[in-house]
């Protein structure tokens, strides 16, 4: 298990965990914004471009978030047909989701405080980013129950009994 703080979160999650996914990548966050990451040749690209690339590689991507992202995110989202048309991309909106985790292939996970935002996980200056803490683990005894919880959530079990459906823009069931 590895503790990651502040900018280390960016390095470990976006440079190691996300690129390492070969089968599936689950991203769970409360807040979702127009996040940019290093894309090579000292250029920054939308994180959505990275996700579209993973989908083209055959990686299934599941994105769960709590609120509608802003207009810049939506504009970038529409630029990548893989995110709109591909069967390998699933997106769920749940206003009760407050968890932040990223799981690659069921073998490597980040669990922590960072949202999928520029200030949380993005390539921001140390003087502009949020203060974040999290752990990275390969311990399957931790990852397996987390994945079971997320699968149960994904299938809509909590949605049936949720008493916040009146504020939910997109109930699963």
C-alpha atoms as a PDB file:
ATOM      1  CA  UNK A   1       0.000   0.000   0.000  1.00  0.00           C
ATOM      2  CA  UNK A   2       1.268   3.457  -0.877  1.00  0.00           C
ATOM      3  CA  UNK A   3       0.217   6.823   0.552  1.00  0.00           C
ATOM      4  CA  UNK A   4       0.024   9.553  -2.096  1.00  0.00           C
ATOM      5  CA  UNK A   5      -0.250  13.243  -1.301  1.00  0.00           C
ATOM      6  CA  UNK A   6      -0.999  16.292  -3.407  1.00  0.00           C
ATOM      7  CA  UNK A   7       0.864  16.265  -6.762  1.00  0.00           C
ATOM      8  CA  UNK A   8       1.957  12.636  -6.176  1.00  0.00           C
ATOM      9  CA  UNK A   9      -1.698  11.766  -6.720  1.00  0.00           C
ATOM     10  CA  UNK A  10      -1.509  13.115 -10.265  1.00  0.00           C
ATOM     11  CA  UNK A  11       1.701  11.236 -10.983  1.00  0.00           C
ATOM     12  CA  UNK A  12       0.583   7.891  -9.590  1.00  0.00           C
ATOM     13  CA  UNK A  13      -3.051   7.904 -10.733  1.00  0.00           C
ATOM     14  CA  UNK A  14      -2.820   9.554 -14.145  1.00  0.00           C
ATOM     15  CA  UNK A  15       0.664   8.466 -15.188  1.00  0.00           C
ATOM     16  CA  UNK A  16       0.668   4.938 -13.737  1.00  0.00           C
ATOM     17  CA  UNK A  17      -2.748   3.522 -12.831  1.00  0.00           C
ATOM     18  CA  UNK A  18      -4.815   4.802 -15.763  1.00  0.00           C
ATOM     19  CA  UNK A  19      -2.238   3.890 -18.442  1.00  0.00           C
ATOM     20  CA  UNK A  20      -1.796   0.421 -16.914  1.00  0.00           C
ATOM     21  CA  UNK A  21      -5.438  -0.602 -17.533  1.00  0.00           C
ATOM     22  CA  UNK A  22      -5.707  -3.218 -20.282  1.00  0.00           C
ATOM     23  CA  UNK A  23      -9.169  -4.700 -19.607  1.00  0.00           C
ATOM     24  CA  UNK A  24     -11.226  -2.194 -17.655  1.00  0.00           C
ATOM     25  CA  UNK A  25     -10.965   1.126 -15.883  1.00  0.00           C
ATOM     26  CA  UNK A  26     -13.490   2.283 -13.309  1.00  0.00           C
ATOM     27  CA  UNK A  27     -13.519   5.953 -12.329  1.00  0.00           C
ATOM     28  CA  UNK A  28     -15.704   7.119  -9.459  1.00  0.00           C
ATOM     29  CA  UNK A  29     -15.894  10.749  -8.353  1.00  0.00           C
ATOM     30  CA  UNK A  30     -18.190  13.279  -6.793  1.00  0.00           C
ATOM     31  CA  UNK A  31     -17.111  16.218  -8.935  1.00  0.00           C
ATOM     32  CA  UNK A  32     -16.176  16.062 -12.592  1.00  0.00           C
ATOM     33  CA  UNK A  33     -14.648  18.944 -14.499  1.00  0.00           C
ATOM     34  CA  UNK A  34     -12.574  19.687 -17.562  1.00  0.00           C
ATOM     35  CA  UNK A  35      -9.429  17.902 -16.393  1.00  0.00           C
ATOM     36  CA  UNK A  36      -6.247  18.174 -18.498  1.00  0.00           C
ATOM     37  CA  UNK A  37      -3.216  15.903 -18.375  1.00  0.00           C
ATOM     38  CA  UNK A  38       0.176  15.667 -20.037  1.00  0.00           C
ATOM     39  CA  UNK A  39      -0.265  14.238 -23.507  1.00  0.00           C
ATOM     40  CA  UNK A  40       3.270  14.068 -24.814  1.00  0.00           C
ATOM     41  CA  UNK A  41       5.510  16.618 -26.498  1.00  0.00           C
ATOM     42  CA  UNK A  42       4.936  18.952 -23.531  1.00  0.00           C
ATOM     43  CA  UNK A  43       1.321  19.339 -24.573  1.00  0.00           C
ATOM     44  CA  UNK A  44      -1.714  19.054 -22.316  1.00  0.00           C
ATOM     45  CA  UNK A  45      -4.835  17.231 -23.488  1.00  0.00           C
ATOM     46  CA  UNK A  46      -8.297  16.706 -22.039  1.00  0.00           C
ATOM     47  CA  UNK A  47      -8.459  13.611 -19.835  1.00  0.00           C
ATOM     48  CA  UNK A  48     -11.434  12.610 -21.986  1.00  0.00           C
ATOM     49  CA  UNK A  49      -8.968  12.171 -24.866  1.00  0.00           C
ATOM     50  CA  UNK A  50      -7.051   9.694 -22.710  1.00  0.00           C
ATOM     51  CA  UNK A  51     -10.272   7.809 -21.938  1.00  0.00           C
ATOM     52  CA  UNK A  52     -11.223   7.735 -25.623  1.00  0.00           C
ATOM     53  CA  UNK A  53      -7.783   6.283 -26.369  1.00  0.00           C
ATOM     54  CA  UNK A  54      -8.252   3.579 -23.738  1.00  0.00           C
ATOM     55  CA  UNK A  55     -11.594   2.665 -25.313  1.00  0.00           C
ATOM     56  CA  UNK A  56      -9.952   2.436 -28.752  1.00  0.00           C
ATOM     57  CA  UNK A  57      -7.414   0.054 -27.174  1.00  0.00           C
ATOM     58  CA  UNK A  58     -10.299  -2.186 -26.069  1.00  0.00           C
ATOM     59  CA  UNK A  59     -10.410  -1.091 -22.423  1.00  0.00           C
ATOM     60  CA  UNK A  60     -13.934  -0.859 -20.988  1.00  0.00           C
ATOM     61  CA  UNK A  61     -14.402   2.400 -19.096  1.00  0.00           C
ATOM     62  CA  UNK A  62     -17.014   2.981 -16.401  1.00  0.00           C
ATOM     63  CA  UNK A  63     -17.451   6.547 -15.116  1.00  0.00           C
ATOM     64  CA  UNK A  64     -19.626   7.276 -12.087  1.00  0.00           C
ATOM     65  CA  UNK A  65     -20.089  10.867 -10.914  1.00  0.00           C
ATOM     66  CA  UNK A  66     -22.381  12.894  -8.679  1.00  0.00           C
ATOM     67  CA  UNK A  67     -23.228  15.986 -10.662  1.00  0.00           C
ATOM     68  CA  UNK A  68     -23.415  17.254 -14.187  1.00  0.00           C
ATOM     69  CA  UNK A  69     -20.062  18.514 -15.395  1.00  0.00           C
ATOM     70  CA  UNK A  70     -19.615  22.030 -16.700  1.00  0.00           C
ATOM     71  CA  UNK A  71     -19.909  23.282 -20.292  1.00  0.00           C
ATOM     72  CA  UNK A  72     -16.201  22.900 -21.127  1.00  0.00           C
ATOM     73  CA  UNK A  73     -16.313  19.231 -20.107  1.00  0.00           C
ATOM     74  CA  UNK A  74     -19.447  18.658 -22.193  1.00  0.00           C
ATOM     75  CA  UNK A  75     -17.866  20.387 -25.193  1.00  0.00           C
ATOM     76  CA  UNK A  76     -14.781  18.149 -24.930  1.00  0.00           C
ATOM     77  CA  UNK A  77     -16.978  15.096 -24.338  1.00  0.00           C
ATOM     78  CA  UNK A  78     -18.775  15.611 -27.637  1.00  0.00           C
ATOM     79  CA  UNK A  79     -15.429  15.682 -29.507  1.00  0.00           C
ATOM     80  CA  UNK A  80     -14.834  11.990 -28.809  1.00  0.00           C
ATOM     81  CA  UNK A  81     -17.296   9.636 -30.510  1.00  0.00           C
ATOM     82  CA  UNK A  82     -15.950   6.725 -28.440  1.00  0.00           C
ATOM     83  CA  UNK A  83     -17.548   8.306 -25.386  1.00  0.00           C
ATOM     84  CA  UNK A  84     -20.897   8.704 -27.085  1.00  0.00           C
ATOM     85  CA  UNK A  85     -21.187   5.594 -29.247  1.00  0.00           C
ATOM     86  CA  UNK A  86     -18.910   2.864 -27.880  1.00  0.00           C
ATOM     87  CA  UNK A  87     -20.344  -0.058 -25.974  1.00  0.00           C
ATOM     88  CA  UNK A  88     -17.149  -0.041 -23.907  1.00  0.00           C
ATOM     89  CA  UNK A  89     -18.046   3.242 -22.201  1.00  0.00           C
ATOM     90  CA  UNK A  90     -20.609   3.449 -19.396  1.00  0.00           C
ATOM     91  CA  UNK A  91     -21.513   6.566 -17.476  1.00  0.00           C
ATOM     92  CA  UNK A  92     -23.742   6.858 -14.411  1.00  0.00           C
ATOM     93  CA  UNK A  93     -24.832  10.011 -12.646  1.00  0.00           C
ATOM     94  CA  UNK A  94     -25.804   9.683  -8.972  1.00  0.00           C
ATOM     95  CA  UNK A  95     -26.136  12.773  -6.775  1.00  0.00           C
ATOM     96  CA  UNK A  96     -25.397  10.672  -3.678  1.00  0.00           C
ATOM     97  CA  UNK A  97     -22.009   9.456  -4.941  1.00  0.00           C
ATOM     98  CA  UNK A  98     -19.263  11.011  -2.893  1.00  0.00           C
ATOM     99  CA  UNK A  99     -16.633   8.285  -3.226  1.00  0.00           C
ATOM    100  CA  UNK A 100     -13.422   8.868  -5.137  1.00  0.00           C
ATOM    101  CA  UNK A 101     -11.631   5.834  -6.508  1.00  0.00           C
ATOM    102  CA  UNK A 102     -10.014   4.552  -9.657  1.00  0.00           C
ATOM    103  CA  UNK A 103      -9.629   0.836 -10.330  1.00  0.00           C
ATOM    104  CA  UNK A 104      -7.546  -0.677 -13.129  1.00  0.00           C
ATOM    105  CA  UNK A 105      -8.294  -4.278 -14.103  1.00  0.00           C
ATOM    106  CA  UNK A 106      -9.317  -5.224 -10.563  1.00  0.00           C
ATOM    107  CA  UNK A 107      -5.648  -5.377  -9.578  1.00  0.00           C
ATOM    108  CA  UNK A 108      -4.703  -1.779  -8.757  1.00  0.00           C
ATOM    109  CA  UNK A 109      -6.777   0.914  -7.050  1.00  0.00           C
ATOM    110  CA  UNK A 110      -6.580   4.482  -5.850  1.00  0.00           C
ATOM    111  CA  UNK A 111      -8.918   5.401  -2.990  1.00  0.00           C
ATOM    112  CA  UNK A 112      -8.726   8.942  -1.714  1.00  0.00           C
ATOM    113  CA  UNK A 113      -9.973  12.489  -1.630  1.00  0.00           C
ATOM    114  CA  UNK A 114      -9.208  13.693  -5.170  1.00  0.00           C
ATOM    115  CA  UNK A 115     -12.061  14.373  -7.570  1.00  0.00           C
ATOM    116  CA  UNK A 116     -11.655  14.151 -11.356  1.00  0.00           C
ATOM    117  CA  UNK A 117     -10.976  17.863 -11.607  1.00  0.00           C
ATOM    118  CA  UNK A 118      -7.968  19.974 -12.474  1.00  0.00           C
ATOM    119  CA  UNK A 119      -7.475  21.022  -8.862  1.00  0.00           C
ATOM    120  CA  UNK A 120      -7.911  17.451  -7.615  1.00  0.00           C
ATOM    121  CA  UNK A 121      -6.135  15.178 -10.075  1.00  0.00           C
ATOM    122  CA  UNK A 122      -5.110  17.470 -12.910  1.00  0.00           C
ATOM    123  CA  UNK A 123      -1.843  18.892 -14.078  1.00  0.00           C
ATOM    124  CA  UNK A 124      -2.057  22.060 -12.003  1.00  0.00           C
ATOM    125  CA  UNK A 125       0.733  23.927 -10.276  1.00  0.00           C
ATOM    126  CA  UNK A 126       1.436  22.931  -6.679  1.00  0.00           C
ATOM    127  CA  UNK A 127       0.336  26.452  -5.724  1.00  0.00           C
ATOM    128  CA  UNK A 128      -3.095  26.103  -7.381  1.00  0.00           C
ATOM    129  CA  UNK A 129      -4.129  22.531  -6.716  1.00  0.00           C
ATOM    130  CA  UNK A 130      -6.125  21.119  -3.821  1.00  0.00           C
ATOM    131  CA  UNK A 131      -4.487  19.384  -0.899  1.00  0.00           C
ATOM    132  CA  UNK A 132      -5.216  15.694  -1.470  1.00  0.00           C
ATOM    133  CA  UNK A 133      -4.479  12.396   0.232  1.00  0.00           C
ATOM    134  CA  UNK A 134      -5.139   8.852  -0.818  1.00  0.00           C
ATOM    135  CA  UNK A 135      -3.832   5.336  -0.927  1.00  0.00           C
ATOM    136  CA  UNK A 136      -2.872   3.121  -3.823  1.00  0.00           C
ATOM    137  CA  UNK A 137      -3.210  -0.584  -3.283  1.00  0.00           C
ATOM    138  CA  UNK A 138      -2.777  -3.903  -5.036  1.00  0.00           C
ATOM    139  CA  UNK A 139      -4.395  -5.720  -2.098  1.00  0.00           C
ATOM    140  CA  UNK A 140      -7.175  -7.747  -3.658  1.00  0.00           C
ATOM    141  CA  UNK A 141      -8.805  -8.231  -0.242  1.00  0.00           C
ATOM    142  CA  UNK A 142      -9.507  -4.473  -0.322  1.00  0.00           C
ATOM    143  CA  UNK A 143     -10.190  -4.114  -4.045  1.00  0.00           C
ATOM    144  CA  UNK A 144     -12.639  -7.047  -4.347  1.00  0.00           C
ATOM    145  CA  UNK A 145     -15.266  -5.745  -1.860  1.00  0.00           C
ATOM    146  CA  UNK A 146     -14.949  -2.255  -3.338  1.00  0.00           C
ATOM    147  CA  UNK A 147     -15.656  -3.689  -6.790  1.00  0.00           C
ATOM    148  CA  UNK A 148     -18.592  -5.720  -5.434  1.00  0.00           C
ATOM    149  CA  UNK A 149     -20.059  -2.558  -3.909  1.00  0.00           C
ATOM    150  CA  UNK A 150     -19.616  -0.666  -7.188  1.00  0.00           C
ATOM    151  CA  UNK A 151     -21.135  -3.507  -9.219  1.00  0.00           C
ATOM    152  CA  UNK A 152     -24.154  -3.599  -6.903  1.00  0.00           C
ATOM    153  CA  UNK A 153     -24.432   0.160  -7.273  1.00  0.00           C
ATOM    154  CA  UNK A 154     -24.023  -0.071 -11.044  1.00  0.00           C
ATOM    155  CA  UNK A 155     -26.824  -2.628 -11.285  1.00  0.00           C
ATOM    156  CA  UNK A 156     -29.114  -0.166  -9.515  1.00  0.00           C
ATOM    157  CA  UNK A 157     -29.812  -1.988  -6.244  1.00  0.00           C
ATOM    158  CA  UNK A 158     -29.446   1.144  -4.049  1.00  0.00           C
ATOM    159  CA  UNK A 159     -31.452   3.150  -6.580  1.00  0.00           C
ATOM    160  CA  UNK A 160     -34.604   1.144  -5.877  1.00  0.00           C
ATOM    161  CA  UNK A 161     -34.651   2.179  -2.208  1.00  0.00           C
ATOM    162  CA  UNK A 162     -33.126   5.641  -2.571  1.00  0.00           C
ATOM    163  CA  UNK A 163     -35.097   8.395  -0.917  1.00  0.00           C
ATOM    164  CA  UNK A 164     -33.409  11.049  -3.049  1.00  0.00           C
ATOM    165  CA  UNK A 165     -34.921  10.019  -6.381  1.00  0.00           C
ATOM    166  CA  UNK A 166     -36.751  13.352  -6.483  1.00  0.00           C
ATOM    167  CA  UNK A 167     -33.409  15.122  -7.050  1.00  0.00           C
ATOM    168  CA  UNK A 168     -31.842  12.468  -9.253  1.00  0.00           C
ATOM    169  CA  UNK A 169     -31.595  13.544 -12.904  1.00  0.00           C
ATOM    170  CA  UNK A 170     -31.002  10.003 -14.173  1.00  0.00           C
ATOM    171  CA  UNK A 171     -32.190   7.121 -11.947  1.00  0.00           C
ATOM    172  CA  UNK A 172     -30.534   3.821 -12.821  1.00  0.00           C
ATOM    173  CA  UNK A 173     -33.829   1.930 -12.460  1.00  0.00           C
END
